[in-house]
Amino acid sequence: MSDAAPFVRIVDVLKRFGNAPPALDHVAGEILGGRITGLVGPDGAGKTTLIRLMTGLMVPDAGKVEVLGFDTVTNAADIQASIGYMPQRFGLYEDLSVQENLDLYADLRGLPLPERVATFDELLEFTDLKRFTARLAGKLSGGMKQKLGLACALLRKPRLLLLDEPGVGVDPISRRDLWKMVENLTAEGIGVVWSTAYLDEAEACDSVLLLNEGKLLFSGCPAELTARVAGRVFKVSGIAHGRRQKLARYLDEENVVDGVIQGEAIRLVMRPDTKPPGLNDNPHGPSAATTAPRFEDAFIDMLGGGPGGRSKLAETQTPFVIENGRPVIEARGLTKRFGDFTAADAITFDIPRGQIFGLLGPNGAGKSTTFKMLCGLLKPSAGEGRVAGFDLRRDAAEARNRLGYMAQKFSLYGDLSVAQNLSFFAGVYGLSGARKRERIQLMIDIFGFGRLLDMSAKDLPLGLKQRLALACAVLHEPEALFLDEPTSGVDPITRREFWTHINGLVEKGVTVLVTTHFMDEAEYCDRISLIYRGRSIALGSPDELKAQVVSAELPDPTMEDAFVALVQGSEEKEAA
């Protein structure tokens, strides 16, 4: 192959599974060497199917895929000897150590024994895993697992590296580390395919193939697509209060394509030749100014817009009286030790009724430990937590009945049907008789489960799994909702729908504690605690945290910029 030839040629590819609509519907495109090509799209778009076709693990029903000059149907073995592949789910062995995983994959890839010491040393240095060679893979943080997966994929330096959603569940710092590693590889001429549902990652790619429901919507430079909404994205500032209600009203306007909360402001995408409605020349009222468009803005515009601002779930919620009284969720010096390791150290905050509070931090920082103590799932070593006035040590059962919990990984029963999960969780939360039947039917109607009631939960697409998990968490109309990375891996439209429900519930007085690695979701919070190495290193509103890191180099920092800068500042203080 000449250097100018594409590493991958995809020619009119069709792939079906059973009688379902095509997973890939006559897709065509090219992938070049020395570049990062983003394979971008929502859950179920066809990304993983296309990557597996490139590996030769699947064959197309029609069309053709050529990789490094080889046909995937007739020369799969030649392709597999020349590529690196990191699958979507952690493909390593969690009961083996980092070093044992490297040894195993070196055996599988046929890496000669004389080359192993130097190769292992180079990869461990590259991924910053040298300190952790004896640690079990199952004990690694999400970001470290992804780095180990990348190291195993690079044991025999490939010409083409296929990464299937490497950023899912990974904190912003680890994601930046992964990107730097991959950019270094492209400098050596390696071609990289980076699959992602995170549209901010698409902007970092050299080119993208944008898929939705098996169809190719766009192929080219990300900036080309983003330019389509230039001049149509506005930041509405000066909203004194009620920004969630204001956003809901905006989203129901005909000329508003999409909208999200951005700290104290609202970000809107408008239809061509329109401006945000309801603004006037009052110097003390809200004002709007155009702002730089994002890839996600253009994608949602291409799909015709977001889901609107109405939440049927919130409309049925019995309101809680919002008053200046006792906080609904309280953490007082919460500490958790595992042997001589302190996972959470004297965490303190409180959350008033009708607010969203975010716990942010790198993988392994102590967020989930703090979260589980406040849910009553972990007993603190010291300190106390309260939910709706009930002490989680003495009144754990009463506290749990006042909260709804949505776990980081799909927490329902996969072998039970949708209907059985709803019935089971209604019983767990103390519902019975007519009330139980009424609430279950309401969830079925609101979330559109009617034709899915007999389907096993494990067979649902990710977006529907998350809807079912939310439905089960709110069956009993809890005062407090605990959401642990609730939209990880979910497509942008489903995320919009999810937050429309949450914002609506908060307006009815529900109190929310959320962990997330999406920094744009962190903007939805009223306040945030940034946790690092078990301690809270910053506490405040999103805008307050961003203001802390403003500098000549960062005059207008994003939430991700603030996250990274505050963590790095904490490290520098400890090192001093």
Protein backbone atom coordinates (compact mmCIF):
# COMPACT_ATOMS: atom_id res chain seq x y z
CA MET A 1 0.00 0.00 0.00
CA SER A 2 1.17 3.53 -0.71
CA ASP A 3 1.28 6.04 2.12
CA ALA A 4 -1.59 7.93 0.51
CA ALA A 5 -3.89 4.91 0.37
CA PRO A 6 -6.61 4.75 3.03
CA PHE A 7 -6.02 2.28 5.85
CA VAL A 8 -9.72 1.30 5.76
CA ARG A 9 -12.17 1.38 2.85
CA ILE A 10 -15.86 0.85 3.67
CA VAL A 11 -17.93 0.31 0.53
CA ASP A 12 -21.75 0.30 0.68
CA VAL A 13 -21.82 -1.93 3.79
CA LEU A 14 -25.08 -3.50 4.96
CA LYS A 15 -25.35 -5.52 8.19
CA ARG A 16 -28.52 -6.95 9.71
CA PHE A 17 -29.27 -9.01 12.84
CA GLY A 18 -32.44 -11.05 12.47
CA ASN A 19 -35.55 -9.15 11.44
CA ALA A 20 -34.51 -5.87 13.08
CA PRO A 21 -33.79 -2.77 10.98
CA PRO A 22 -30.23 -2.75 9.59
CA ALA A 23 -27.49 -2.15 12.15
CA LEU A 24 -25.57 -0.60 9.24
CA ASP A 25 -27.53 0.64 6.25
CA HIS A 26 -25.30 1.02 3.16
CA VAL A 27 -22.49 2.84 4.96
CA ALA A 28 -19.41 4.04 3.06
CA GLY A 29 -16.27 5.88 4.14
CA GLU A 30 -12.48 5.89 4.45
CA ILE A 31 -10.01 5.95 7.36
CA LEU A 32 -6.50 7.34 6.88
CA GLY A 33 -3.23 6.62 8.62
CA GLY A 34 -1.61 9.08 11.01
CA ARG A 35 -4.98 10.53 11.97
CA ILE A 36 -7.69 10.03 14.61
CA THR A 37 -10.97 9.17 12.95
CA GLY A 38 -13.99 9.48 15.23
CA LEU A 39 -16.70 6.87 14.83
CA VAL A 40 -19.41 8.97 16.44
CA GLY A 41 -23.06 8.39 17.28
CA PRO A 42 -25.62 7.51 19.94
CA ASP A 43 -26.13 4.14 21.59
CA GLY A 44 -27.35 1.71 18.92
CA ALA A 45 -26.03 3.80 16.02
CA GLY A 46 -23.92 0.92 14.63
CA LYS A 47 -20.46 1.95 15.89
CA THR A 48 -19.50 -1.35 17.53
CA THR A 49 -20.86 -3.34 14.58
CA LEU A 50 -18.69 -1.35 12.17
CA ILE A 51 -15.57 -1.79 14.33
CA ARG A 52 -16.15 -5.56 14.52
CA LEU A 53 -16.47 -5.66 10.75
CA MET A 54 -13.08 -3.92 10.52
CA THR A 55 -11.51 -6.57 12.78
CA GLY A 56 -12.87 -9.44 10.68
CA LEU A 57 -14.85 -10.77 13.65
CA MET A 58 -18.01 -10.21 11.58
CA VAL A 59 -18.66 -10.18 7.85
CA PRO A 60 -21.01 -7.76 6.05
CA ASP A 61 -24.26 -9.00 4.51
CA ALA A 62 -23.54 -6.79 1.51
CA GLY A 63 -20.78 -4.40 0.49
CA LYS A 64 -17.10 -4.65 1.31
CA VAL A 65 -14.60 -3.68 4.01
CA GLU A 66 -10.87 -3.52 3.23
CA VAL A 67 -8.35 -3.02 6.05
CA LEU A 68 -4.68 -2.35 5.24
CA GLY A 69 -5.31 -3.70 1.75
CA PHE A 70 -6.88 -6.96 2.97
CA ASP A 71 -10.48 -8.01 2.47
CA THR A 72 -12.10 -8.72 5.86
CA VAL A 73 -13.95 -11.78 4.52
CA THR A 74 -11.01 -13.58 2.90
CA ASN A 75 -8.01 -12.25 4.87
CA ALA A 76 -9.26 -11.80 8.45
CA ALA A 77 -6.14 -13.43 9.97
CA ASP A 78 -3.80 -11.03 8.13
CA ILE A 79 -5.84 -8.07 9.41
CA GLN A 80 -5.89 -9.32 12.99
CA ALA A 81 -2.09 -9.69 12.94
CA SER A 82 -1.69 -6.04 11.93
CA ILE A 83 -4.20 -4.19 14.12
CA GLY A 84 -4.74 -3.41 17.78
CA TYR A 85 -8.28 -3.71 19.16
CA MET A 86 -9.69 -2.49 22.46
CA PRO A 87 -13.30 -3.65 22.87
CA GLN A 88 -16.11 -1.61 24.41
CA ARG A 89 -16.39 -3.64 27.60
CA PHE A 90 -13.29 -4.17 29.72
CA GLY A 91 -11.75 -7.17 27.92
CA LEU A 92 -9.09 -7.91 30.51
CA TYR A 93 -9.07 -10.40 33.38
CA GLU A 94 -10.06 -8.69 36.60
CA ASP A 95 -8.67 -11.43 38.85
CA LEU A 96 -5.21 -11.11 37.27
CA SER A 97 -2.75 -8.33 38.10
CA VAL A 98 -1.65 -5.64 35.66
CA GLN A 99 1.56 -7.57 34.93
CA GLU A 100 -0.27 -10.90 34.57
CA ASN A 101 -2.65 -9.35 32.04
CA LEU A 102 0.30 -8.04 30.05
CA ASP A 103 1.96 -11.48 30.16
CA LEU A 104 -1.25 -13.19 29.01
CA TYR A 105 -1.85 -10.82 26.11
CA ALA A 106 1.81 -11.05 25.09
CA ASP A 107 1.32 -14.82 24.83
CA LEU A 108 -1.89 -14.38 22.84
CA ARG A 109 -0.24 -11.89 20.45
CA GLY A 110 2.89 -14.02 20.05
CA LEU A 111 5.29 -11.38 21.38
CA PRO A 112 8.79 -13.00 21.42
CA LEU A 113 10.22 -13.50 24.93
CA PRO A 114 13.44 -11.47 24.28
CA GLU A 115 11.32 -8.41 23.36
CA ARG A 116 8.99 -8.48 26.35
CA VAL A 117 11.00 -6.70 29.05
CA ALA A 118 11.66 -3.66 26.85
CA THR A 119 8.09 -3.63 25.46
CA PHE A 120 6.48 -3.91 28.90
CA ASP A 121 8.75 -1.17 30.27
CA GLU A 122 7.88 1.17 27.38
CA LEU A 123 4.11 0.57 27.70
CA LEU A 124 4.06 0.87 31.49
CA GLU A 125 5.93 4.17 31.20
CA PHE A 126 3.61 5.32 28.39
CA THR A 127 0.45 4.56 30.42
CA ASP A 128 1.87 5.56 33.85
CA LEU A 129 1.06 2.09 35.25
CA LYS A 130 4.55 1.18 36.50
CA ARG A 131 3.51 1.71 40.11
CA PHE A 132 0.57 -0.65 39.78
CA THR A 133 1.94 -3.82 38.14
CA ALA A 134 1.00 -5.96 41.18
CA ARG A 135 -2.53 -4.54 41.53
CA LEU A 136 -5.45 -6.70 40.38
CA ALA A 137 -7.08 -5.30 37.24
CA GLY A 138 -10.46 -5.44 38.98
CA LYS A 139 -9.15 -3.04 41.64
CA LEU A 140 -8.10 -0.38 39.13
CA SER A 141 -10.08 2.83 38.61
CA GLY A 142 -12.01 3.24 35.37
CA GLY A 143 -9.31 5.39 33.79
CA MET A 144 -6.53 2.97 34.78
CA LYS A 145 -8.48 0.04 33.32
CA GLN A 146 -8.72 1.87 30.01
CA LYS A 147 -4.97 2.58 30.07
CA LEU A 148 -4.24 -1.10 30.72
CA GLY A 149 -6.57 -2.08 27.88
CA LEU A 150 -4.70 0.33 25.62
CA ALA A 151 -1.34 -1.13 26.69
CA CYS A 152 -2.52 -4.67 25.86
CA ALA A 153 -3.76 -3.51 22.44
CA LEU A 154 -0.31 -1.99 21.73
CA LEU A 155 1.86 -4.98 22.72
CA ARG A 156 2.77 -5.50 19.07
CA LYS A 157 2.74 -1.99 17.66
CA PRO A 158 -0.15 -2.01 15.18
CA ARG A 159 -0.57 -0.05 11.96
CA LEU A 160 -4.22 0.51 12.87
CA LEU A 161 -5.67 0.86 16.39
CA LEU A 162 -9.42 0.36 16.93
CA LEU A 163 -10.78 1.78 20.22
CA ASP A 164 -14.44 1.08 21.01
CA GLU A 165 -15.72 3.80 23.38
CA PRO A 166 -12.51 4.11 25.46
CA GLY A 167 -13.81 7.25 27.22
CA VAL A 168 -16.98 5.75 28.78
CA GLY A 169 -17.00 6.15 32.57
CA VAL A 170 -13.60 7.88 32.56
CA ASP A 171 -12.98 11.17 34.37
CA PRO A 172 -11.81 14.29 32.45
CA ILE A 173 -8.19 13.99 33.56
CA SER A 174 -7.90 10.34 32.50
CA ARG A 175 -9.66 11.15 29.21
CA ARG A 176 -7.10 13.88 28.51
CA ASP A 177 -4.31 11.39 29.29
CA LEU A 178 -5.81 8.86 26.87
CA TRP A 179 -6.06 11.50 24.14
CA LYS A 180 -2.42 12.52 24.60
CA MET A 181 -1.33 8.88 24.32
CA VAL A 182 -3.36 8.35 21.16
CA GLU A 183 -2.12 11.61 19.59
CA ASN A 184 1.45 10.45 20.20
CA LEU A 185 0.65 7.24 18.31
CA THR A 186 -0.69 9.09 15.28
CA ALA A 187 2.56 11.07 15.14
CA GLU A 188 4.21 7.70 14.38
CA GLY A 189 1.86 7.16 11.44
CA ILE A 190 -0.54 4.78 13.22
CA GLY A 191 -4.17 5.13 12.16
CA VAL A 192 -6.63 5.38 15.07
CA VAL A 193 -10.39 4.82 15.11
CA TRP A 194 -11.94 6.27 18.29
CA SER A 195 -15.57 5.25 18.78
CA THR A 196 -17.62 7.49 21.05
CA ALA A 197 -21.10 8.63 22.02
CA TYR A 198 -19.54 11.73 23.65
CA LEU A 199 -19.86 14.47 21.08
CA ASP A 200 -17.26 16.69 22.75
CA GLU A 201 -14.74 13.94 21.91
CA ALA A 202 -15.78 14.18 18.24
CA GLU A 203 -14.43 17.75 18.16
CA ALA A 204 -10.94 16.45 19.04
CA CYS A 205 -10.84 14.06 16.06
CA ASP A 206 -9.20 14.86 12.72
CA SER A 207 -12.26 13.52 10.89
CA VAL A 208 -15.50 11.82 11.87
CA LEU A 209 -18.01 9.31 10.57
CA LEU A 210 -21.30 10.30 12.24
CA LEU A 211 -23.81 7.46 12.52
CA ASN A 212 -27.40 7.36 13.72
CA GLU A 213 -29.69 4.29 13.59
CA GLY A 214 -27.31 2.57 11.20
CA LYS A 215 -27.16 5.41 8.68
CA LEU A 216 -24.16 7.61 7.91
CA LEU A 217 -25.26 11.23 8.50
CA PHE A 218 -21.94 12.99 7.96
CA SER A 219 -18.35 12.27 6.97
CA GLY A 220 -15.59 14.86 7.18
CA CYS A 221 -13.87 17.35 9.46
CA PRO A 222 -15.84 18.08 12.68
CA ALA A 223 -15.54 21.82 12.09
CA GLU A 224 -17.48 21.47 8.83
CA LEU A 225 -20.53 20.15 10.68
CA THR A 226 -20.20 22.58 13.59
CA ALA A 227 -20.11 25.51 11.16
CA ARG A 228 -23.68 24.71 10.10
CA VAL A 229 -25.02 26.22 13.34
CA ALA A 230 -22.60 29.15 13.59
CA GLY A 231 -24.47 32.31 14.59
CA ARG A 232 -27.45 30.31 15.85
CA VAL A 233 -26.14 29.41 19.33
CA PHE A 234 -26.88 31.88 22.13
CA LYS A 235 -25.97 32.21 25.78
CA VAL A 236 -28.80 33.81 27.75
CA SER A 237 -27.45 35.51 30.89
CA GLY A 238 -28.88 37.61 33.67
CA ILE A 239 -31.57 35.14 34.76
CA ALA A 240 -32.18 36.09 38.38
CA HIS A 241 -33.90 32.86 39.41
CA GLY A 242 -35.95 29.99 38.05
CA ARG A 243 -33.56 29.06 35.23
CA ARG A 244 -34.98 25.50 35.07
CA GLN A 245 -38.51 26.81 34.54
CA LYS A 246 -37.15 29.30 32.01
CA LEU A 247 -35.37 26.52 30.10
CA ALA A 248 -38.53 24.38 30.02
CA ARG A 249 -40.46 27.31 28.52
CA TYR A 250 -37.73 27.96 25.95
CA LEU A 251 -37.68 24.31 24.86
CA ASP A 252 -41.38 24.42 24.07
CA GLU A 253 -40.90 27.40 21.73
CA GLU A 254 -41.16 26.52 18.03
CA ASN A 255 -37.94 28.31 17.04
CA VAL A 256 -35.78 26.73 19.77
CA VAL A 257 -33.93 23.64 18.50
CA ASP A 258 -32.17 22.73 21.75
CA GLY A 259 -31.27 24.17 25.12
CA VAL A 260 -29.29 23.31 28.26
CA ILE A 261 -28.41 24.98 31.54
CA GLN A 262 -24.87 26.38 31.67
CA GLY A 263 -24.19 27.47 35.24
CA GLU A 264 -26.29 30.57 35.91
CA ALA A 265 -27.02 30.95 32.18
CA ILE A 266 -28.96 29.03 29.53
CA ARG A 267 -27.47 27.90 26.22
CA LEU A 268 -29.88 27.80 23.25
CA VAL A 269 -29.66 26.63 19.65
CA MET A 270 -32.13 28.55 17.48
CA ARG A 271 -33.59 27.88 14.06
CA PRO A 272 -32.10 29.95 11.21
CA ASP A 273 -32.77 33.69 11.31
CA THR A 274 -34.37 33.65 14.77
CA LYS A 275 -33.30 34.88 18.20
CA PRO A 276 -34.15 33.75 21.74
CA PRO A 277 -37.75 34.77 22.52
CA GLY A 278 -38.99 36.91 25.38
CA LEU A 279 -35.97 39.21 25.64
CA ASN A 280 -36.30 43.00 25.71
CA ASP A 281 -34.15 46.07 26.12
CA ASN A 282 -34.53 46.14 29.91
CA PRO A 283 -30.94 46.60 31.15
CA HIS A 284 -31.77 44.65 34.31
CA GLY A 285 -33.38 41.69 32.51
CA PRO A 286 -31.93 38.66 30.71
CA SER A 287 -29.72 39.27 27.69
CA ALA A 288 -28.51 37.00 24.90
CA ALA A 289 -25.23 36.89 23.00
CA THR A 290 -24.01 34.49 20.34
CA THR A 291 -21.48 31.92 21.53
CA ALA A 292 -19.22 29.38 19.83
CA PRO A 293 -21.14 26.34 18.53
CA ARG A 294 -20.35 22.78 19.56
CA PHE A 295 -20.45 19.55 17.57
CA GLU A 296 -23.35 18.40 19.77
CA ASP A 297 -25.35 21.51 18.78
CA ALA A 298 -25.00 20.62 15.10
CA PHE A 299 -25.85 16.95 15.69
CA ILE A 300 -29.08 17.71 17.55
CA ASP A 301 -29.98 20.31 14.92
CA MET A 302 -29.43 17.65 12.22
CA LEU A 303 -31.86 15.33 14.05
CA GLY A 304 -34.51 18.06 14.13
CA GLY A 305 -34.07 19.14 17.74
CA GLY A 306 -34.24 17.84 21.29
CA PRO A 307 -37.17 16.28 23.17
CA GLY A 308 -38.78 19.53 24.36
CA GLY A 309 -39.21 20.92 27.85
CA ARG A 310 -42.23 19.03 29.12
CA SER A 311 -41.79 16.26 31.72
CA LYS A 312 -44.86 14.08 32.20
CA LEU A 313 -43.07 12.54 35.17
CA ALA A 314 -42.70 15.89 36.92
CA GLU A 315 -46.30 16.83 36.11
CA THR A 316 -47.51 13.82 38.13
CA GLN A 317 -45.14 14.46 41.07
CA THR A 318 -46.74 15.52 44.35
CA PRO A 319 -44.97 18.80 45.27
CA PHE A 320 -42.79 19.07 48.36
CA VAL A 321 -42.95 22.39 50.18
CA ILE A 322 -39.70 24.30 49.58
CA GLU A 323 -38.87 26.20 52.72
CA ASN A 324 -35.85 27.48 54.60
CA GLY A 325 -35.58 24.65 57.06
CA ARG A 326 -33.47 21.57 57.63
CA PRO A 327 -31.51 20.32 54.61
CA VAL A 328 -32.85 17.16 52.95
CA ILE A 329 -29.39 15.58 52.58
CA GLU A 330 -26.61 16.19 55.12
CA ALA A 331 -23.01 14.96 55.34
CA ARG A 332 -21.16 15.78 58.56
CA GLY A 333 -17.52 14.68 58.63
CA LEU A 334 -18.26 11.50 56.68
CA THR A 335 -15.20 9.27 56.73
CA LYS A 336 -14.67 5.75 55.40
CA ARG A 337 -11.54 3.66 55.96
CA PHE A 338 -10.73 0.33 54.40
CA GLY A 339 -7.90 -0.98 56.57
CA ASP A 340 -5.21 1.72 56.52
CA PHE A 341 -6.63 3.34 53.36
CA THR A 342 -8.95 6.33 53.79
CA ALA A 343 -11.36 6.43 50.84
CA ALA A 344 -13.35 9.44 52.14
CA ASP A 345 -11.99 11.88 54.69
CA ALA A 346 -14.30 14.18 56.69
CA ILE A 347 -16.64 15.04 53.81
CA THR A 348 -19.09 17.79 54.85
CA PHE A 349 -21.92 19.48 52.94
CA ASP A 350 -25.69 19.88 53.02
CA ILE A 351 -28.31 20.09 50.28
CA PRO A 352 -31.47 22.20 50.70
CA ARG A 353 -34.78 21.00 49.30
CA GLY A 354 -35.24 21.44 45.55
CA GLN A 355 -31.56 21.68 44.59
CA ILE A 356 -29.14 19.58 42.53
CA PHE A 357 -25.79 18.88 44.20
CA GLY A 358 -22.92 17.35 42.22
CA LEU A 359 -20.09 15.16 43.46
CA LEU A 360 -17.21 15.42 40.99
CA GLY A 361 -13.74 13.96 41.01
CA PRO A 362 -11.31 11.68 39.19
CA ASN A 363 -11.87 7.91 39.14
CA GLY A 364 -10.99 6.51 42.55
CA ALA A 365 -11.22 9.90 44.31
CA GLY A 366 -13.89 8.81 46.81
CA LYS A 367 -17.10 10.05 45.13
CA SER A 368 -18.85 6.68 45.02
CA THR A 369 -17.78 5.87 48.59
CA THR A 370 -19.31 9.15 49.82
CA PHE A 371 -22.38 8.53 47.70
CA LYS A 372 -22.88 5.00 49.08
CA MET A 373 -22.53 6.17 52.68
CA LEU A 374 -25.32 8.72 52.11
CA CYS A 375 -27.50 6.03 50.53
CA GLY A 376 -27.04 3.78 53.54
CA LEU A 377 -25.16 1.19 51.44
CA LEU A 378 -21.88 1.72 53.32
CA LYS A 379 -21.44 2.27 57.04
CA PRO A 380 -19.19 5.27 57.75
CA SER A 381 -16.08 4.83 59.89
CA ALA A 382 -16.75 8.27 61.38
CA GLY A 383 -19.14 11.18 60.94
CA GLU A 384 -22.82 11.02 60.10
CA GLY A 385 -25.20 11.31 57.20
CA ARG A 386 -28.90 12.23 57.18
CA VAL A 387 -31.65 11.99 54.60
CA ALA A 388 -34.94 13.81 55.24
CA GLY A 389 -33.91 14.22 58.88
CA PHE A 390 -33.26 10.51 59.47
CA ASP A 391 -29.84 9.40 60.69
CA LEU A 392 -28.45 6.73 58.35
CA ARG A 393 -26.93 4.81 61.26
CA ARG A 394 -29.96 4.68 63.57
CA ASP A 395 -32.87 5.05 61.14
CA ALA A 396 -31.52 3.48 57.96
CA ALA A 397 -34.82 1.89 56.90
CA GLU A 398 -36.79 5.13 57.27
CA ALA A 399 -34.11 7.08 55.40
CA ARG A 400 -34.04 4.60 52.51
CA ASN A 401 -37.81 4.86 52.10
CA ARG A 402 -37.41 8.60 51.50
CA LEU A 403 -34.82 8.24 48.71
CA GLY A 404 -34.62 6.81 45.22
CA TYR A 405 -31.35 5.30 44.00
CA MET A 406 -30.01 4.89 40.47
CA ALA A 407 -26.68 3.05 40.43
CA GLN A 408 -23.64 3.69 38.24
CA LYS A 409 -23.97 0.33 36.49
CA PHE A 410 -27.41 -0.94 35.47
CA SER A 411 -28.70 -2.04 38.87
CA LEU A 412 -31.95 -3.77 38.01
CA TYR A 413 -32.49 -7.49 37.52
CA GLY A 414 -31.49 -8.44 33.99
CA ASP A 415 -33.28 -11.78 33.98
CA LEU A 416 -36.56 -10.20 35.10
CA SER A 417 -38.84 -8.57 32.56
CA VAL A 418 -39.60 -4.85 32.51
CA ALA A 419 -42.95 -5.51 34.23
CA GLN A 420 -41.36 -7.75 36.87
CA ASN A 421 -38.70 -5.15 37.71
CA LEU A 422 -41.35 -2.46 38.14
CA SER A 423 -43.42 -4.73 40.36
CA PHE A 424 -40.44 -5.85 42.43
CA PHE A 425 -39.13 -2.34 43.12
CA ALA A 426 -42.61 -1.04 43.90
CA GLY A 427 -42.79 -3.72 46.60
CA VAL A 428 -39.29 -2.92 47.89
CA TYR A 429 -40.32 0.71 48.31
CA GLY A 430 -43.43 -0.29 50.27
CA LEU A 431 -46.13 0.22 47.61
CA SER A 432 -49.07 -2.18 47.55
CA GLY A 433 -52.64 -2.59 46.32
CA ALA A 434 -54.23 0.13 44.20
CA ARG A 435 -51.38 2.59 44.85
CA LYS A 436 -48.83 0.09 43.51
CA ARG A 437 -50.88 -0.64 40.38
CA GLU A 438 -51.47 3.07 39.78
CA ARG A 439 -47.77 4.04 40.05
CA ILE A 440 -46.59 1.15 37.86
CA GLN A 441 -49.11 2.01 35.14
CA LEU A 442 -48.03 5.64 35.34
CA MET A 443 -44.38 4.68 34.72
CA ILE A 444 -45.42 2.45 31.81
CA ASP A 445 -47.31 5.33 30.21
CA ILE A 446 -44.69 8.03 30.87
CA PHE A 447 -41.67 6.04 29.65
CA GLY A 448 -43.39 4.14 26.83
CA PHE A 449 -42.82 0.62 28.18
CA GLY A 450 -46.14 -0.73 26.85
CA ARG A 451 -44.74 -3.03 24.15
CA LEU A 452 -41.64 -3.91 26.17
CA LEU A 453 -43.22 -5.24 29.36
CA ASP A 454 -42.32 -8.90 28.68
CA MET A 455 -38.75 -8.16 27.50
CA SER A 456 -35.87 -9.07 29.82
CA ALA A 457 -34.24 -5.96 31.23
CA LYS A 458 -30.79 -7.13 30.11
CA ASP A 459 -31.94 -7.15 26.46
CA LEU A 460 -33.03 -3.50 26.44
CA PRO A 461 -30.90 -0.89 24.61
CA LEU A 462 -28.87 1.25 27.01
CA GLY A 463 -31.18 4.27 26.74
CA LEU A 464 -34.22 2.18 27.67
CA LYS A 465 -32.31 0.53 30.53
CA GLN A 466 -31.66 3.98 31.96
CA ARG A 467 -35.32 4.93 31.58
CA LEU A 468 -36.34 1.75 33.43
CA ALA A 469 -33.79 2.43 36.18
CA LEU A 470 -35.14 5.97 36.64
CA ALA A 471 -38.74 4.72 36.62
CA CYS A 472 -37.95 2.21 39.38
CA ALA A 473 -36.15 4.87 41.42
CA VAL A 474 -39.12 7.30 41.40
CA LEU A 475 -42.01 4.84 41.80
CA HIS A 476 -42.55 5.87 45.43
CA GLU A 477 -42.16 9.65 44.86
CA PRO A 478 -38.99 10.01 46.95
CA GLU A 479 -37.90 13.26 48.56
CA ALA A 480 -34.29 12.68 47.50
CA LEU A 481 -32.82 11.14 44.34
CA PHE A 482 -29.33 9.65 44.30
CA LEU A 483 -27.99 9.39 40.75
CA ASP A 484 -24.58 7.74 40.29
CA GLU A 485 -23.32 8.57 36.77
CA PRO A 486 -26.86 8.13 35.44
CA THR A 487 -26.17 8.95 31.78
CA SER A 488 -22.78 7.30 31.22
CA GLY A 489 -22.65 6.08 27.61
CA VAL A 490 -26.14 7.39 26.80
CA ASP A 491 -26.78 9.36 23.61
CA PRO A 492 -27.39 13.16 23.72
CA ILE A 493 -31.14 13.01 23.01
CA THR A 494 -31.76 10.47 25.81
CA ARG A 495 -29.59 12.60 28.11
CA ARG A 496 -31.74 15.67 27.31
CA GLU A 497 -34.90 13.69 28.06
CA PHE A 498 -33.43 12.40 31.33
CA TRP A 499 -32.48 15.89 32.54
CA THR A 500 -35.83 17.33 31.51
CA HIS A 501 -37.39 14.89 33.99
CA ILE A 502 -34.82 15.68 36.71
CA ASN A 503 -35.14 19.45 36.30
CA GLY A 504 -38.92 19.12 36.45
CA LEU A 505 -38.78 17.03 39.64
CA VAL A 506 -36.42 19.53 41.27
CA GLU A 507 -38.93 22.29 40.54
CA LYS A 508 -41.43 20.19 42.54
CA GLY A 509 -39.07 20.14 45.54
CA VAL A 510 -37.20 16.86 44.96
CA THR A 511 -33.56 17.05 46.07
CA VAL A 512 -30.88 15.45 43.88
CA LEU A 513 -27.36 14.21 44.58
CA VAL A 514 -25.55 13.28 41.36
CA THR A 515 -22.12 12.06 40.30
CA THR A 516 -21.07 12.57 36.70
CA HIS A 517 -18.06 12.65 34.38
CA PHE A 518 -19.94 14.87 31.90
CA MET A 519 -18.75 18.37 32.66
CA ASP A 520 -21.69 19.93 30.81
CA GLU A 521 -23.99 18.00 33.19
CA ALA A 522 -22.06 19.44 36.12
CA GLU A 523 -23.28 22.85 34.89
CA TYR A 524 -26.86 21.78 35.76
CA CYS A 525 -25.97 21.61 39.47
CA ASP A 526 -26.72 24.36 41.96
CA ARG A 527 -23.54 23.50 43.88
CA ILE A 528 -20.64 21.09 43.45
CA SER A 529 -18.16 19.40 45.77
CA LEU A 530 -14.95 18.43 43.97
CA ILE A 531 -13.41 15.41 45.69
CA TYR A 532 -9.81 14.32 45.25
CA ARG A 533 -7.87 11.68 47.18
CA GLY A 534 -10.76 11.32 49.59
CA ARG A 535 -11.05 15.01 50.49
CA SER A 536 -13.26 17.84 49.29
CA ILE A 537 -10.90 20.31 47.63
CA ALA A 538 -13.52 22.79 46.33
CA LEU A 539 -17.16 23.60 47.09
CA GLY A 540 -19.37 26.07 45.26
CA SER A 541 -21.59 26.72 42.26
CA PRO A 542 -20.29 25.83 38.76
CA ASP A 543 -19.66 29.50 38.01
CA GLU A 544 -17.82 29.97 41.31
CA LEU A 545 -15.51 27.01 40.61
CA LYS A 546 -14.79 28.31 37.09
CA ALA A 547 -14.05 31.77 38.51
CA GLN A 548 -11.39 30.25 40.81
CA VAL A 549 -9.23 29.21 37.84
CA VAL A 550 -9.55 32.28 35.59
CA SER A 551 -6.11 33.35 34.36
CA ALA A 552 -4.39 34.92 31.39
CA GLU A 553 -4.10 31.44 29.87
CA LEU A 554 -7.74 30.57 30.78
CA PRO A 555 -9.75 33.80 30.52
CA ASP A 556 -13.04 31.93 30.02
CA PRO A 557 -12.55 28.44 31.47
CA THR A 558 -14.94 25.57 30.85
CA MET A 559 -16.11 23.31 33.66
CA GLU A 560 -13.58 20.72 32.46
CA ASP A 561 -10.81 23.34 32.63
CA ALA A 562 -11.85 24.13 36.20
CA PHE A 563 -11.93 20.43 37.15
CA VAL A 564 -8.42 19.81 35.82
CA ALA A 565 -6.92 23.04 37.20
CA LEU A 566 -8.35 22.54 40.70
CA VAL A 567 -7.11 18.94 40.89
CA GLN A 568 -3.65 19.96 39.65
CA GLY A 569 -3.61 22.84 42.15
CA SER A 570 -4.40 20.42 44.96
CA GLU A 571 -1.53 18.15 43.86
CA GLU A 572 0.88 21.09 43.82
CA LYS A 573 -0.15 22.12 47.35
CA GLU A 574 0.42 18.58 48.64
CA ALA A 575 3.81 18.40 46.94
CA ALA A 576 4.94 21.77 48.36
